[in-house]
Protein backbone atom coordinates (compact mmCIF):
# COMPACT_ATOMS: atom_id res chain seq x y z
CA MET A 1 15.38 -25.02 27.70
CA GLN A 2 18.31 -27.09 26.48
CA LEU A 3 19.26 -26.56 22.83
CA THR A 4 22.00 -28.27 20.85
CA ALA A 5 24.75 -26.22 19.23
CA GLY A 6 23.10 -26.80 15.86
CA GLN A 7 19.73 -25.59 17.11
CA ARG A 8 21.26 -22.45 18.64
CA LEU A 9 23.07 -21.71 15.40
CA ARG A 10 19.90 -22.17 13.34
CA ILE A 11 18.09 -19.72 15.63
CA ALA A 12 20.90 -17.20 15.14
CA ILE A 13 20.63 -17.63 11.36
CA ALA A 14 16.85 -17.15 11.54
CA ARG A 15 17.35 -13.92 13.49
CA THR A 16 19.75 -12.70 10.82
CA VAL A 17 17.22 -13.44 8.09
CA LEU A 18 14.47 -11.60 9.97
CA LYS A 19 16.67 -8.60 10.67
CA ASN A 20 17.94 -8.49 7.07
CA ALA A 21 21.24 -7.07 8.27
CA PRO A 22 23.46 -5.63 5.51
CA LEU A 23 26.57 -7.12 7.14
CA LEU A 24 26.90 -10.69 8.33
CA LEU A 25 29.87 -11.92 10.38
CA ILE A 26 30.17 -15.69 10.71
CA ASP A 27 32.90 -17.22 12.86
CA GLU A 28 33.53 -20.95 12.33
CA PRO A 29 29.83 -21.70 11.83
CA THR A 30 30.08 -25.48 11.70
CA SER A 31 32.98 -26.14 14.06
CA ALA A 32 30.90 -27.65 16.90
CA LEU A 33 28.27 -29.42 14.82
CA GLU A 34 27.68 -33.03 13.87
CA ALA A 35 27.45 -33.89 10.16
CA GLU A 36 23.67 -33.55 9.74
CA SER A 37 23.44 -30.19 11.52
CA SER A 38 26.49 -28.98 9.62
CA LYS A 39 24.78 -29.76 6.32
CA VAL A 40 21.62 -27.86 7.34
CA VAL A 41 23.64 -24.86 8.55
CA ASN A 42 25.75 -24.78 5.37
CA GLU A 43 22.58 -24.74 3.26
CA ALA A 44 21.18 -21.88 5.36
CA ILE A 45 24.43 -19.93 5.04
CA ASP A 46 24.37 -20.42 1.26
CA GLN A 47 21.00 -18.64 1.25
CA LEU A 48 22.23 -15.86 3.55
CA ILE A 49 25.33 -14.89 1.58
CA VAL A 50 23.40 -14.37 -1.65
CA GLY A 51 22.07 -10.90 -2.39
CA ASN A 52 22.83 -7.41 -1.17
CA ARG A 53 24.70 -8.43 1.94
CA SER A 54 28.38 -8.28 2.76
CA THR A 55 29.48 -11.41 4.56
CA VAL A 56 32.70 -12.00 6.47
CA VAL A 57 33.38 -15.65 7.22
CA VAL A 58 36.12 -16.81 9.57
CA ALA A 59 36.72 -20.42 8.62
CA HIS A 60 39.30 -23.14 8.35
CA ARG A 61 37.19 -25.79 6.66
CA LEU A 62 37.49 -26.14 2.91
CA ALA A 63 33.73 -26.54 2.38
CA MET A 64 33.10 -23.05 3.72
CA LEU A 65 36.03 -21.38 1.98
CA ARG A 66 35.00 -22.62 -1.46
CA ARG A 67 31.67 -20.74 -1.15
CA VAL A 68 33.05 -17.21 -0.81
CA ASP A 69 34.10 -14.71 -3.48
CA VAL A 70 37.33 -13.54 -1.85
CA VAL A 71 39.57 -15.32 0.64
CA ALA A 72 42.00 -13.23 2.68
CA MET A 73 44.73 -15.41 4.15
CA LEU A 74 45.99 -13.83 7.38
CA HIS A 75 49.48 -14.56 8.67
CA ASP A 76 51.04 -12.81 11.67
CA GLY A 77 48.14 -10.33 11.75
CA GLU A 78 48.49 -9.20 8.13
CA VAL A 79 46.86 -10.22 4.85
CA ASP A 80 49.41 -12.56 3.27
CA GLU A 81 47.39 -13.69 0.25
CA GLN A 82 44.07 -12.64 -1.21
CA GLY A 83 41.91 -14.01 -4.02
CA SER A 84 39.39 -16.72 -4.79
CA HIS A 85 39.95 -20.21 -3.45
CA ASP A 86 41.07 -21.42 -6.89
CA GLU A 87 43.43 -18.47 -7.39
CA LEU A 88 45.09 -19.08 -4.03
CA MET A 89 45.40 -22.80 -4.67
CA ASN A 90 47.11 -22.06 -8.00
CA LYS A 91 49.60 -19.73 -6.26
CA CYS A 92 50.84 -22.69 -4.18
CA GLY A 93 51.53 -20.40 -1.25
CA LEU A 94 50.67 -20.66 2.43
CA TYR A 95 46.93 -21.01 1.76
CA ALA A 96 47.48 -23.95 -0.58
CA ARG A 97 49.83 -25.64 1.89
CA LEU A 98 47.29 -25.28 4.71
CA MET A 99 44.42 -26.58 2.55
CA GLN A 100 46.31 -29.59 1.19
CA PRO A 101 45.51 -31.92 4.13
CA GLN A 102 41.79 -31.17 3.70
CA PHE A 103 41.99 -31.98 -0.01
CA SER A 104 43.73 -35.25 0.72
CA ARG A 105 41.06 -36.21 3.27
CA THR A 106 38.24 -35.23 0.89
CA LEU A 107 39.80 -37.21 -1.94
CA ARG A 108 40.20 -40.28 0.31
CA GLN A 109 36.55 -40.04 1.39
CA TYR A 110 35.43 -39.68 -2.23
CA ARG A 111 37.41 -42.72 -3.32
CA GLN A 112 35.98 -44.83 -0.48
CA SER A 113 32.36 -44.11 -1.41
């Protein structure tokens, strides 16, 4: 049976819900998905990270990083900065510099719509 990347990911999320695992590790959950599947997966992840579950998310996309309580910015294998997305943006450190291109793109898309 041939499944798309989005379908496989949704099945993995469903398994996680059924298992009710206390720890959830998500690695770049929307990296290989088209826009519609990405939206569905993000909504499912929003439901998963609520409650009595610890969730570790490896992500580069701003949409995912804004959802979490604590961001740990790794550089050369060590935690360089740690805090909420807003706290790290206000520090104007490495995290803010890496996120700036995504903000610019998001702002351009917002202005065009």
